[in-house]
PDB file of N, CA and C in Angstrom:
ATOM      1  N   MET A   1      95.190  45.173  87.709  1.00  0.00           N
ATOM      2  CA  MET A   1      97.100  45.022  88.209  1.00  0.00           C
ATOM      3  C   MET A   1      96.851  43.741  89.372  1.00  0.00           C
ATOM      4  N   LEU A   2      95.576  44.700  90.691  1.00  0.00           N
ATOM      5  CA  LEU A   2      95.025  42.524  91.163  1.00  0.00           C
ATOM      6  C   LEU A   2      93.748  41.991  90.940  1.00  0.00           C
ATOM      7  N   ARG A   3      93.875  40.705  90.261  1.00  0.00           N
ATOM      8  CA  ARG A   3      92.698  40.760  89.661  1.00  0.00           C
ATOM      9  C   ARG A   3      91.550  40.024  90.941  1.00  0.00           C
ATOM     10  N   GLY A   4      92.080  39.852  91.768  1.00  0.00           N
ATOM     11  CA  GLY A   4      91.063  39.388  92.620  1.00  0.00           C
ATOM     12  C   GLY A   4      90.431  40.394  93.312  1.00  0.00           C
ATOM     13  N   GLY A   5      91.501  41.672  93.805  1.00  0.00           N
ATOM     14  CA  GLY A   5      91.165  42.067  94.499  1.00  0.00           C
ATOM     15  C   GLY A   5      92.092  42.517  95.756  1.00  0.00           C
ATOM     16  N   LEU A   6      91.741  43.527  96.892  1.00  0.00           N
ATOM     17  CA  LEU A   6      91.704  42.992  98.373  1.00  0.00           C
ATOM     18  C   LEU A   6      91.232  42.116  98.954  1.00  0.00           C
ATOM     19  N   GLN A   7      92.441  42.062  99.632  1.00  0.00           N
ATOM     20  CA  GLN A   7      92.028  39.762  99.868  1.00  0.00           C
ATOM     21  C   GLN A   7      92.850  40.723 101.394  1.00  0.00           C
ATOM     22  N   PRO A   8      92.353  39.351 102.002  1.00  0.00           N
ATOM     23  CA  PRO A   8      92.415  39.727 103.667  1.00  0.00           C
ATOM     24  C   PRO A   8      93.785  38.824 103.443  1.00  0.00           C
ATOM     25  N   TRP A   9      94.942  38.935 103.373  1.00  0.00           N
ATOM     26  CA  TRP A   9      95.770  38.853 103.598  1.00  0.00           C
ATOM     27  C   TRP A   9      96.602  40.077 103.466  1.00  0.00           C
ATOM     28  N   HIS A  10      96.009  40.953 102.342  1.00  0.00           N
ATOM     29  CA  HIS A  10      97.105  42.185 101.984  1.00  0.00           C
ATOM     30  C   HIS A  10      96.578  43.202 102.927  1.00  0.00           C
ATOM     31  N   ILE A  11      95.711  43.265 104.255  1.00  0.00           N
ATOM     32  CA  ILE A  11      94.919  44.229 105.017  1.00  0.00           C
ATOM     33  C   ILE A  11      95.764  43.679 105.572  1.00  0.00           C
ATOM     34  N   ILE A  12      96.212  42.539 106.198  1.00  0.00           N
ATOM     35  CA  ILE A  12      97.145  42.235 107.719  1.00  0.00           C
ATOM     36  C   ILE A  12      99.039  42.338 107.123  1.00  0.00           C
ATOM     37  N   LEU A  13      99.471  41.968 106.192  1.00  0.00           N
ATOM     38  CA  LEU A  13     100.451  42.343 105.494  1.00  0.00           C
ATOM     39  C   LEU A  13     100.279  44.202 106.167  1.00  0.00           C
ATOM     40  N   VAL A  14      99.325  45.194 105.280  1.00  0.00           N
ATOM     41  CA  VAL A  14      99.806  45.892 105.961  1.00  0.00           C
ATOM     42  C   VAL A  14      99.726  46.407 106.685  1.00  0.00           C
ATOM     43  N   LEU A  15      99.232  45.812 108.107  1.00  0.00           N
ATOM     44  CA  LEU A  15      98.907  46.326 108.984  1.00  0.00           C
ATOM     45  C   LEU A  15     100.472  45.867 109.844  1.00  0.00           C
ATOM     46  N   VAL A  16     100.868  44.328 109.634  1.00  0.00           N
ATOM     47  CA  VAL A  16     102.693  44.506 110.348  1.00  0.00           C
ATOM     48  C   VAL A  16     103.566  45.120 109.585  1.00  0.00           C
ATOM     49  N   VAL A  17     103.283  45.534 108.171  1.00  0.00           N
ATOM     50  CA  VAL A  17     104.641  46.719 107.833  1.00  0.00           C
ATOM     51  C   VAL A  17     103.894  48.112 108.322  1.00  0.00           C
ATOM     52  N   ILE A  18     102.311  48.663 109.218  1.00  0.00           N
ATOM     53  CA  ILE A  18     102.591  50.282 109.924  1.00  0.00           C
ATOM     54  C   ILE A  18     102.887  49.671 111.277  1.00  0.00           C
ATOM     55  N   PHE A  19     102.192  48.530 112.071  1.00  0.00           N
ATOM     56  CA  PHE A  19     103.164  48.108 113.044  1.00  0.00           C
ATOM     57  C   PHE A  19     104.389  48.279 112.737  1.00  0.00           C
ATOM     58  N   LEU A  20     105.267  47.766 111.859  1.00  0.00           N
ATOM     59  CA  LEU A  20     106.957  48.097 112.009  1.00  0.00           C
ATOM     60  C   LEU A  20     107.840  49.214 112.259  1.00  0.00           C
ATOM     61  N   LEU A  21     106.788  49.711 111.436  1.00  0.00           N
ATOM     62  CA  LEU A  21     107.529  51.329 110.993  1.00  0.00           C
ATOM     63  C   LEU A  21     107.043  51.794 112.589  1.00  0.00           C
ATOM     64  N   PHE A  22     106.270  52.620 113.013  1.00  0.00           N
ATOM     65  CA  PHE A  22     106.355  52.918 114.371  1.00  0.00           C
ATOM     66  C   PHE A  22     105.891  52.619 115.263  1.00  0.00           C
ATOM     67  N   GLY A  23     105.713  51.011 115.680  1.00  0.00           N
ATOM     68  CA  GLY A  23     106.183  50.917 116.978  1.00  0.00           C
ATOM     69  C   GLY A  23     104.092  50.986 117.889  1.00  0.00           C
ATOM     70  N   ALA A  24     104.406  49.250 118.326  1.00  0.00           N
ATOM     71  CA  ALA A  24     103.176  49.565 119.329  1.00  0.00           C
ATOM     72  C   ALA A  24     103.477  50.433 120.516  1.00  0.00           C
ATOM     73  N   ASN A  25     104.098  51.375 120.673  1.00  0.00           N
ATOM     74  CA  ASN A  25     104.612  52.620 121.337  1.00  0.00           C
ATOM     75  C   ASN A  25     103.904  54.050 120.616  1.00  0.00           C
ATOM     76  N   ARG A  26     103.466  54.093 119.798  1.00  0.00           N
ATOM     77  CA  ARG A  26     103.464  55.313 118.978  1.00  0.00           C
ATOM     78  C   ARG A  26     101.588  54.725 118.345  1.00  0.00           C
ATOM     79  N   LEU A  27     101.483  54.197 117.805  1.00  0.00           N
ATOM     80  CA  LEU A  27     100.698  52.941 117.412  1.00  0.00           C
ATOM     81  C   LEU A  27      98.928  54.136 117.866  1.00  0.00           C
ATOM     82  N   PRO A  28      99.371  54.563 119.173  1.00  0.00           N
ATOM     83  CA  PRO A  28      97.939  55.247 119.775  1.00  0.00           C
ATOM     84  C   PRO A  28      97.892  56.803 119.196  1.00  0.00           C
ATOM     85  N   GLY A  29      98.923  57.372 119.696  1.00  0.00           N
ATOM     86  CA  GLY A  29      98.869  58.437 118.477  1.00  0.00           C
ATOM     87  C   GLY A  29      98.963  58.855 117.597  1.00  0.00           C
ATOM     88  N   LEU A  30      98.333  58.178 117.196  1.00  0.00           N
ATOM     89  CA  LEU A  30      99.196  57.767 115.767  1.00  0.00           C
ATOM     90  C   LEU A  30      97.770  57.830 114.999  1.00  0.00           C
ATOM     91  N   ALA A  31      97.081  57.034 116.198  1.00  0.00           N
ATOM     92  CA  ALA A  31      95.752  56.482 115.732  1.00  0.00           C
ATOM     93  C   ALA A  31      94.565  57.849 115.968  1.00  0.00           C
ATOM     94  N   LYS A  32      95.085  58.892 117.280  1.00  0.00           N
ATOM     95  CA  LYS A  32      94.754  60.082 117.333  1.00  0.00           C
ATOM     96  C   LYS A  32      94.714  61.149 116.953  1.00  0.00           C
ATOM     97  N   SER A  33      95.828  61.221 116.673  1.00  0.00           N
ATOM     98  CA  SER A  33      96.363  61.863 115.261  1.00  0.00           C
ATOM     99  C   SER A  33      95.417  61.961 114.118  1.00  0.00           C
ATOM    100  N   VAL A  34      95.345  61.040 114.046  1.00  0.00           N
ATOM    101  CA  VAL A  34      94.565  60.837 112.165  1.00  0.00           C
ATOM    102  C   VAL A  34      92.746  61.200 111.970  1.00  0.00           C
ATOM    103  N   GLY A  35      92.071  60.251 113.619  1.00  0.00           N
ATOM    104  CA  GLY A  35      90.894  61.021 114.549  1.00  0.00           C
ATOM    105  C   GLY A  35      91.033  62.183 113.999  1.00  0.00           C
ATOM    106  N   GLU A  36      91.664  62.650 115.265  1.00  0.00           N
ATOM    107  CA  GLU A  36      90.975  64.017 114.595  1.00  0.00           C
ATOM    108  C   GLU A  36      91.365  65.657 113.510  1.00  0.00           C
ATOM    109  N   SER A  37      92.578  64.536 112.765  1.00  0.00           N
ATOM    110  CA  SER A  37      92.539  65.443 110.934  1.00  0.00           C
ATOM    111  C   SER A  37      91.321  65.368 110.135  1.00  0.00           C
ATOM    112  N   LEU A  38      90.067  63.922 110.560  1.00  0.00           N
ATOM    113  CA  LEU A  38      88.938  63.029 110.144  1.00  0.00           C
ATOM    114  C   LEU A  38      88.518  64.812 110.231  1.00  0.00           C
ATOM    115  N   LYS A  39      88.151  64.952 111.733  1.00  0.00           N
ATOM    116  CA  LYS A  39      87.412  65.470 112.651  1.00  0.00           C
ATOM    117  C   LYS A  39      87.131  66.751 111.783  1.00  0.00           C
ATOM    118  N   ILE A  40      88.690  67.449 111.923  1.00  0.00           N
ATOM    119  CA  ILE A  40      88.991  69.080 110.826  1.00  0.00           C
ATOM    120  C   ILE A  40      88.758  68.875 109.498  1.00  0.00           C
ATOM    121  N   PHE A  41      88.503  68.495 109.810  1.00  0.00           N
ATOM    122  CA  PHE A  41      88.528  67.683 107.400  1.00  0.00           C
ATOM    123  C   PHE A  41      87.019  68.123 107.729  1.00  0.00           C
ATOM    124  N   LYS A  42      86.333  66.887 108.289  1.00  0.00           N
ATOM    125  CA  LYS A  42      84.380  67.353 108.264  1.00  0.00           C
ATOM    126  C   LYS A  42      83.881  68.261 108.447  1.00  0.00           C
ATOM    127  N   LYS A  43      84.889  69.540 109.581  1.00  0.00           N
ATOM    128  CA  LYS A  43      83.948  70.092 109.951  1.00  0.00           C
ATOM    129  C   LYS A  43      84.735  70.703 108.991  1.00  0.00           C
ATOM    130  N   GLU A  44      85.043  71.224 108.133  1.00  0.00           N
ATOM    131  CA  GLU A  44      85.802  72.028 107.507  1.00  0.00           C
ATOM    132  C   GLU A  44      85.385  72.016 105.359  1.00  0.00           C
ATOM    133  N   ILE A  45      84.831  70.421 106.151  1.00  0.00           N
ATOM    134  CA  ILE A  45      83.340  70.301 104.566  1.00  0.00           C
ATOM    135  C   ILE A  45      82.423  70.308 105.055  1.00  0.00           C
ATOM    136  N   LYS A  46      81.748  70.890 106.311  1.00  0.00           N
ATOM    137  CA  LYS A  46      80.537  71.124 106.321  1.00  0.00           C
ATOM    138  C   LYS A  46      80.237  72.772 106.116  1.00  0.00           C
ATOM    139  N   ASP A  47      81.943  72.946 106.633  1.00  0.00           N
ATOM    140  CA  ASP A  47      81.625  74.596 106.457  1.00  0.00           C
ATOM    141  C   ASP A  47      81.411  75.207 105.050  1.00  0.00           C
ATOM    142  N   LEU A  48      82.723  74.639 104.434  1.00  0.00           N
ATOM    143  CA  LEU A  48      81.760  74.872 102.932  1.00  0.00           C
ATOM    144  C   LEU A  48      81.024  74.878 101.578  1.00  0.00           C
ATOM    145  N   THR A  49      79.692  73.775 102.847  1.00  0.00           N
ATOM    146  CA  THR A  49      77.638  73.169 101.768  1.00  0.00           C
ATOM    147  C   THR A  49      77.536  74.468 102.824  1.00  0.00           C
ATOM    148  N   ASP A  50      77.830  75.228 104.028  1.00  0.00           N
ATOM    149  CA  ASP A  50      77.227  76.069 104.006  1.00  0.00           C
ATOM    150  C   ASP A  50      76.869  77.395 103.556  1.00  0.00           C
ATOM    151  N   ASP A  51      77.718  77.463 103.432  1.00  0.00           N
ATOM    152  CA  ASP A  51      79.197  79.118 102.850  1.00  0.00           C
ATOM    153  C   ASP A  51      78.794  79.385 103.190  1.00  0.00           C
ATOM    154  N   GLY A  52      77.691  80.354 105.070  1.00  0.00           N
ATOM    155  CA  GLY A  52      78.351  80.911 105.117  1.00  0.00           C
ATOM    156  C   GLY A  52      76.331  81.806 104.642  1.00  0.00           C
ATOM    157  N   THR A  53      76.297  81.720 104.117  1.00  0.00           N
ATOM    158  CA  THR A  53      74.263  82.509 103.180  1.00  0.00           C
ATOM    159  C   THR A  53      73.428  82.637 104.085  1.00  0.00           C
ATOM    160  N   PRO A  54      72.798  83.660 104.094  1.00  0.00           N
ATOM    161  CA  PRO A  54      70.943  83.203 105.220  1.00  0.00           C
ATOM    162  C   PRO A  54      70.394  82.414 105.139  1.00  0.00           C
ATOM    163  N   ALA A  55      69.453  82.272 104.693  1.00  0.00           N
ATOM    164  CA  ALA A  55      67.945  81.615 104.076  1.00  0.00           C
ATOM    165  C   ALA A  55      67.611  81.979 103.567  1.00  0.00           C
ATOM    166  N   PRO A  56      67.152  81.793 102.341  1.00  0.00           N
ATOM    167  CA  PRO A  56      66.204  83.356 101.445  1.00  0.00           C
ATOM    168  C   PRO A  56      65.090  83.485 102.681  1.00  0.00           C
ATOM    169  N   ALA A  57      64.668  84.563 101.801  1.00  0.00           N
ATOM    170  CA  ALA A  57      63.593  84.999 102.672  1.00  0.00           C
ATOM    171  C   ALA A  57      62.421  85.040 102.419  1.00  0.00           C
ATOM    172  N   ALA A  58      61.456  84.974 102.568  1.00  0.00           N
ATOM    173  CA  ALA A  58      59.816  84.026 101.987  1.00  0.00           C
ATOM    174  C   ALA A  58      59.140  84.828 101.433  1.00  0.00           C
ATOM    175  N   PRO A  59      58.762  84.565 100.594  1.00  0.00           N
ATOM    176  CA  PRO A  59      58.503  85.024  99.711  1.00  0.00           C
ATOM    177  C   PRO A  59      57.206  86.123  99.485  1.00  0.00           C
ATOM    178  N   PRO A  60      57.546  87.454  98.858  1.00  0.00           N
ATOM    179  CA  PRO A  60      56.127  88.239  99.334  1.00  0.00           C
ATOM    180  C   PRO A  60      54.667  87.455  99.687  1.00  0.00           C
ATOM    181  N   ALA A  61      53.257  88.367 100.544  1.00  0.00           N
ATOM    182  CA  ALA A  61      52.368  87.423 100.633  1.00  0.00           C
ATOM    183  C   ALA A  61      51.941  88.180  99.159  1.00  0.00           C
ATOM    184  N   THR A  62      51.489  89.006  98.481  1.00  0.00           N
ATOM    185  CA  THR A  62      50.817  89.575  97.265  1.00  0.00           C
ATOM    186  C   THR A  62      51.572  89.652  96.408  1.00  0.00           C
ATOM    187  N   PRO A  63      50.542  89.178  94.839  1.00  0.00           N
ATOM    188  CA  PRO A  63      51.470  88.735  94.101  1.00  0.00           C
ATOM    189  C   PRO A  63      52.053  89.396  93.368  1.00  0.00           C
ATOM    190  N   PRO A  64      52.480  89.762  92.264  1.00  0.00           N
ATOM    191  CA  PRO A  64      53.386  91.776  91.920  1.00  0.00           C
ATOM    192  C   PRO A  64      52.115  91.428  90.613  1.00  0.00           C
ATOM    193  N   ALA A  65      51.835  93.084  90.836  1.00  0.00           N
ATOM    194  CA  ALA A  65      51.146  93.283  89.611  1.00  0.00           C
ATOM    195  C   ALA A  65      51.331  93.289  88.209  1.00  0.00           C
ATOM    196  N   ALA A  66      50.454  92.915  87.093  1.00  0.00           N
ATOM    197  CA  ALA A  66      50.029  92.337  86.069  1.00  0.00           C
ATOM    198  C   ALA A  66      50.467  93.324  85.608  1.00  0.00           C
ATOM    199  N   PRO A  67      52.051  93.184  84.407  1.00  0.00           N
ATOM    200  CA  PRO A  67      51.969  94.933  84.073  1.00  0.00           C
ATOM    201  C   PRO A  67      50.992  94.995  82.382  1.00  0.00           C
ATOM    202  N   ALA A  68      50.669  95.934  82.696  1.00  0.00           N
ATOM    203  CA  ALA A  68      50.035  96.871  82.023  1.00  0.00           C
ATOM    204  C   ALA A  68      50.204  96.671  80.522  1.00  0.00           C
ATOM    205  N   PRO A  69      49.040  96.518  79.688  1.00  0.00           N
ATOM    206  CA  PRO A  69      48.843  96.358  78.543  1.00  0.00           C
ATOM    207  C   PRO A  69      49.473  97.252  77.632  1.00  0.00           C
ATOM    208  N   PRO A  70      50.221  96.275  77.122  1.00  0.00           N
ATOM    209  CA  PRO A  70      50.607  98.196  75.412  1.00  0.00           C
ATOM    210  C   PRO A  70      49.456  99.316  75.497  1.00  0.00           C
ATOM    211  N   ALA A  71      49.433 100.359  75.171  1.00  0.00           N
ATOM    212  CA  ALA A  71      48.445 101.872  74.909  1.00  0.00           C
ATOM    213  C   ALA A  71      47.999 101.160  73.118  1.00  0.00           C
ATOM    214  N   SER A  72      46.733 101.558  72.758  1.00  0.00           N
ATOM    215  CA  SER A  72      46.654 101.079  71.981  1.00  0.00           C
ATOM    216  C   SER A  72      47.075 102.552  70.515  1.00  0.00           C
ATOM    217  N   THR A  73      47.445 101.938  69.460  1.00  0.00           N
ATOM    218  CA  THR A  73      46.983 102.844  68.185  1.00  0.00           C
ATOM    219  C   THR A  73      46.936 102.441  67.372  1.00  0.00           C
ATOM    220  N   ASP A  74      45.454 102.566  66.767  1.00  0.00           N
ATOM    221  CA  ASP A  74      44.789 102.043  65.579  1.00  0.00           C
ATOM    222  C   ASP A  74      45.278 103.233  65.102  1.00  0.00           C
ATOM    223  N   GLN A  75      45.372 102.060  64.352  1.00  0.00           N
ATOM    224  CA  GLN A  75      46.721 103.375  62.296  1.00  0.00           C
ATOM    225  C   GLN A  75      45.584 102.236  61.794  1.00  0.00           C
ATOM    226  N   GLY A  76      44.644 102.196  61.475  1.00  0.00           N
ATOM    227  CA  GLY A  76      43.446 100.596  61.311  1.00  0.00           C
ATOM    228  C   GLY A  76      44.074  99.453  60.544  1.00  0.00           C
ATOM    229  N   PRO A  77      43.580  99.101  59.646  1.00  0.00           N
ATOM    230  CA  PRO A  77      43.632  97.949  59.681  1.00  0.00           C
ATOM    231  C   PRO A  77      45.414  97.814  58.900  1.00  0.00           C
ATOM    232  N   LEU A  78      45.872  96.309  59.054  1.00  0.00           N
ATOM    233  CA  LEU A  78      46.818  96.308  58.165  1.00  0.00           C
ATOM    234  C   LEU A  78      47.066  96.163  56.795  1.00  0.00           C
ATOM    235  N   PRO A  79      48.538  96.280  55.814  1.00  0.00           N
ATOM    236  CA  PRO A  79      47.556  96.163  54.523  1.00  0.00           C
ATOM    237  C   PRO A  79      47.461  94.792  54.266  1.00  0.00           C
ATOM    238  N   GLY A  80      46.835  94.855  52.996  1.00  0.00           N
ATOM    239  CA  GLY A  80      46.458  93.821  52.220  1.00  0.00           C
ATOM    240  C   GLY A  80      45.716  93.075  53.022  1.00  0.00           C
ATOM    241  N   THR A  81      45.066  93.433  54.063  1.00  0.00           N
ATOM    242  CA  THR A  81      43.892  92.691  54.791  1.00  0.00           C
ATOM    243  C   THR A  81      42.285  93.563  55.366  1.00  0.00           C
ATOM    244  N   VAL A  82      41.463  93.566  55.121  1.00  0.00           N
ATOM    245  CA  VAL A  82      40.360  93.192  54.160  1.00  0.00           C
ATOM    246  C   VAL A  82      39.429  94.327  55.969  1.00  0.00           C
ATOM    247  N   ASP A  83      38.670  95.393  55.404  1.00  0.00           N
ATOM    248  CA  ASP A  83      38.187  95.668  56.794  1.00  0.00           C
ATOM    249  C   ASP A  83      36.319  95.428  56.923  1.00  0.00           C
ATOM    250  N   PRO A  84      36.187  94.977  57.490  1.00  0.00           N
ATOM    251  CA  PRO A  84      34.301  94.729  57.222  1.00  0.00           C
ATOM    252  C   PRO A  84      33.795  95.780  57.323  1.00  0.00           C
ATOM    253  N   ASN A  85      34.171  96.130  58.586  1.00  0.00           N
ATOM    254  CA  ASN A  85      33.721  97.610  58.765  1.00  0.00           C
ATOM    255  C   ASN A  85      34.110  99.035  57.895  1.00  0.00           C
ATOM    256  N   HIS A  86      34.339  98.613  56.844  1.00  0.00           N
ATOM    257  CA  HIS A  86      34.708 100.249  56.035  1.00  0.00           C
ATOM    258  C   HIS A  86      34.142  99.714  55.054  1.00  0.00           C
ATOM    259  N   PRO A  87      33.095 100.985  54.399  1.00  0.00           N
ATOM    260  CA  PRO A  87      32.889 101.111  53.248  1.00  0.00           C
ATOM    261  C   PRO A  87      33.632 101.572  52.109  1.00  0.00           C
ATOM    262  N   LYS A  88      32.936 100.542  51.307  1.00  0.00           N
ATOM    263  CA  LYS A  88      33.579 101.009  49.869  1.00  0.00           C
ATOM    264  C   LYS A  88      33.485 102.028  48.733  1.00  0.00           C
ATOM    265  N   ALA A  89      34.423 102.022  47.683  1.00  0.00           N
ATOM    266  CA  ALA A  89      34.033 103.871  47.313  1.00  0.00           C
ATOM    267  C   ALA A  89      34.224 102.881  46.459  1.00  0.00           C
TER     268      ALA A  89
END
């Protein structure tokens, strides 16, 4: 649509239209209300990113204990394997 992009005369035209619509007396009030709106908007965005959750607690000083090894159930060698300690019959 706009191949050349935003030209300086586009900005001037927009400013003239704003000036004609609102008049010289209302422009300072309009600028002030836009500034306050932006300030409120930035504050709300900051509140959303903070999320109100506390910072995570520090990790414990001692590492957690390692799990105990599984109990041995000695049932002999697996089928199909050769046990060198087993006497041959």
